[in-house]
Protein backbone atom coordinates (compact mmCIF):
# COMPACT_ATOMS: atom_id res chain seq x y z
CA MET A 1 15.31 -7.83 11.25
CA VAL A 2 12.15 -7.75 13.35
CA LYS A 3 12.63 -8.25 17.08
CA SER A 4 9.63 -9.92 18.65
CA LYS A 5 8.46 -9.71 22.22
CA VAL A 6 5.75 -12.20 21.36
CA LEU A 7 6.34 -15.84 22.23
CA ASN A 8 3.60 -17.08 19.93
CA GLU A 9 5.14 -18.47 16.71
CA SER A 10 2.21 -17.52 14.49
CA ALA A 11 2.27 -13.93 15.79
CA TYR A 12 6.01 -13.78 15.08
CA ILE A 13 5.52 -15.08 11.53
CA SER A 14 2.85 -12.43 10.98
CA GLU A 15 5.26 -9.72 12.18
CA LEU A 16 7.94 -10.99 9.82
CA ALA A 17 5.43 -10.91 6.95
CA ILE A 18 4.52 -7.32 7.77
CA HIS A 19 8.18 -6.35 7.79
CA GLY A 20 8.66 -8.00 4.37
CA MET A 21 5.67 -6.08 3.03
CA GLN A 22 7.00 -2.81 4.40
CA GLU A 23 10.40 -3.44 2.79
CA LYS A 24 8.78 -3.47 -0.67
CA LYS A 25 6.28 -0.68 0.01
CA GLY A 26 3.08 -2.72 0.28
CA ASN A 27 -0.07 -0.58 0.67
CA ASP A 28 -2.69 -0.67 3.46
CA LEU A 29 -1.08 -3.42 5.53
CA VAL A 30 -3.46 -5.14 7.93
CA ARG A 31 -3.28 -8.14 10.22
CA LEU A 32 -6.51 -9.93 11.04
CA ASP A 33 -6.35 -11.81 14.34
CA LEU A 34 -8.60 -14.81 13.77
CA ARG A 35 -7.76 -16.68 16.98
CA GLY A 36 -11.05 -15.66 18.61
CA VAL A 37 -13.20 -16.38 15.55
CA ASN A 38 -15.06 -19.69 15.52
CA SER A 39 -14.22 -21.94 12.58
CA SER A 40 -11.29 -19.77 11.44
CA VAL A 41 -8.81 -21.40 9.11
CA ALA A 42 -5.70 -19.77 10.60
CA ASP A 43 -4.51 -17.67 13.53
CA TYR A 44 -3.75 -14.65 11.35
CA PHE A 45 -4.32 -13.27 7.88
CA VAL A 46 -1.82 -10.63 6.80
CA ILE A 47 -2.98 -8.55 3.85
CA CYS A 48 -1.62 -5.80 1.62
CA HIS A 49 -1.83 -4.64 -1.97
CA ALA A 50 0.29 -3.06 -4.69
CA ASP A 51 -0.46 -1.33 -7.98
CA SER A 52 1.34 -3.75 -10.32
CA ALA A 53 1.87 -7.48 -10.69
CA THR A 54 5.62 -6.87 -10.58
CA GLN A 55 5.37 -5.21 -7.18
CA VAL A 56 2.98 -7.90 -5.89
CA LYS A 57 5.57 -10.54 -6.79
CA ALA A 58 8.40 -8.50 -5.23
CA ILE A 59 6.43 -8.20 -1.98
CA ALA A 60 5.77 -11.95 -1.94
CA ASN A 61 9.48 -12.65 -2.43
CA SER A 62 10.37 -10.20 0.34
CA VAL A 63 7.91 -11.83 2.76
CA GLU A 64 9.27 -15.29 1.99
CA ASP A 65 12.85 -14.06 2.44
CA GLU A 66 12.11 -12.41 5.81
CA ILE A 67 10.41 -15.51 7.21
CA TYR A 68 13.07 -17.84 5.87
CA LYS A 69 15.94 -15.73 7.26
CA ALA A 70 14.40 -15.67 10.73
CA MET A 71 12.88 -19.15 10.96
CA GLN A 72 14.14 -21.25 8.04
CA ALA A 73 10.47 -21.86 7.19
CA GLU A 74 9.03 -22.22 3.71
CA PRO A 75 5.32 -21.74 2.95
CA TRP A 76 3.27 -24.93 3.03
CA ARG A 77 1.47 -23.71 -0.12
CA LYS A 78 1.92 -20.85 -2.58
CA GLU A 79 -0.70 -19.72 -5.07
CA GLY A 80 -0.92 -17.00 -7.70
CA LEU A 81 2.76 -16.45 -8.44
CA GLU A 82 2.33 -16.85 -12.18
CA HIS A 83 -0.08 -13.92 -12.61
CA GLY A 84 0.72 -11.68 -9.66
CA GLU A 85 -2.88 -10.54 -9.13
CA TRP A 86 -3.42 -12.29 -5.79
CA ILE A 87 -0.55 -14.19 -4.24
CA LEU A 88 -1.30 -16.37 -1.26
CA LEU A 89 1.48 -17.68 0.99
CA ASP A 90 0.18 -20.30 3.40
CA TYR A 91 2.26 -20.88 6.52
CA VAL A 92 -0.59 -22.98 8.01
CA ASP A 93 -1.35 -20.77 11.06
CA VAL A 94 -0.59 -17.56 9.12
CA VAL A 95 -1.98 -16.95 5.65
CA ILE A 96 -0.53 -14.02 3.73
CA HIS A 97 -2.54 -12.33 0.97
CA ILE A 98 -0.81 -9.93 -1.42
CA PHE A 99 -3.21 -8.39 -3.92
CA ARG A 100 -3.03 -6.14 -6.91
CA THR A 101 -5.09 -3.10 -5.84
CA ASP A 102 -8.18 -3.82 -7.96
CA LYS A 103 -8.31 -7.48 -6.88
CA ARG A 104 -8.20 -6.56 -3.19
CA GLU A 105 -11.16 -4.27 -3.65
CA PHE A 106 -13.03 -6.92 -5.65
CA TYR A 107 -12.54 -9.83 -3.22
CA GLY A 108 -12.86 -7.87 0.05
CA VAL A 109 -11.18 -10.50 2.24
CA GLU A 110 -11.26 -8.23 5.29
CA ASP A 111 -15.06 -7.99 4.98
CA LEU A 112 -15.43 -11.78 5.04
CA TRP A 113 -13.81 -11.90 8.49
CA GLY A 114 -15.67 -9.02 10.13
CA ASP A 115 -15.42 -10.60 13.60
CA ALA A 116 -11.62 -10.57 13.51
CA GLU A 117 -9.56 -8.04 15.39
CA ILE A 118 -7.89 -5.85 12.75
CA LYS A 119 -4.61 -4.02 13.23
CA SER A 120 -3.31 -1.63 10.57
CA TYR A 121 0.38 -0.98 9.89
CA LYS A 122 2.16 1.85 8.15
CA SER A 123 4.06 1.25 4.94
CA ALA A 124 7.80 1.84 5.28
């Protein structure tokens, strides 16, 4: 389980999401800090990718499990579970994007939020 020194709930949720991604070997994990960006839709975006739809779904399940175990919180919205190309888990202040590799490259979400502070994480 992730131990957090951060008191901010959205930062803690983002850390839990990263841990869930690491557990299932998500690739190129990044957290975009959108708190300083005008008109941002959330505090954080957490993003990773995987090479297959099966792994994308496994990562999404792992992220949901980690957050639920620690906070008993369910996503407000979930999108993309049926195809596993781009799964979005919306926890209101934290939005988690799990892409299949080619879809991440195509949509370039990180590029859309160029003003955000970006922190990269290692895969487990």
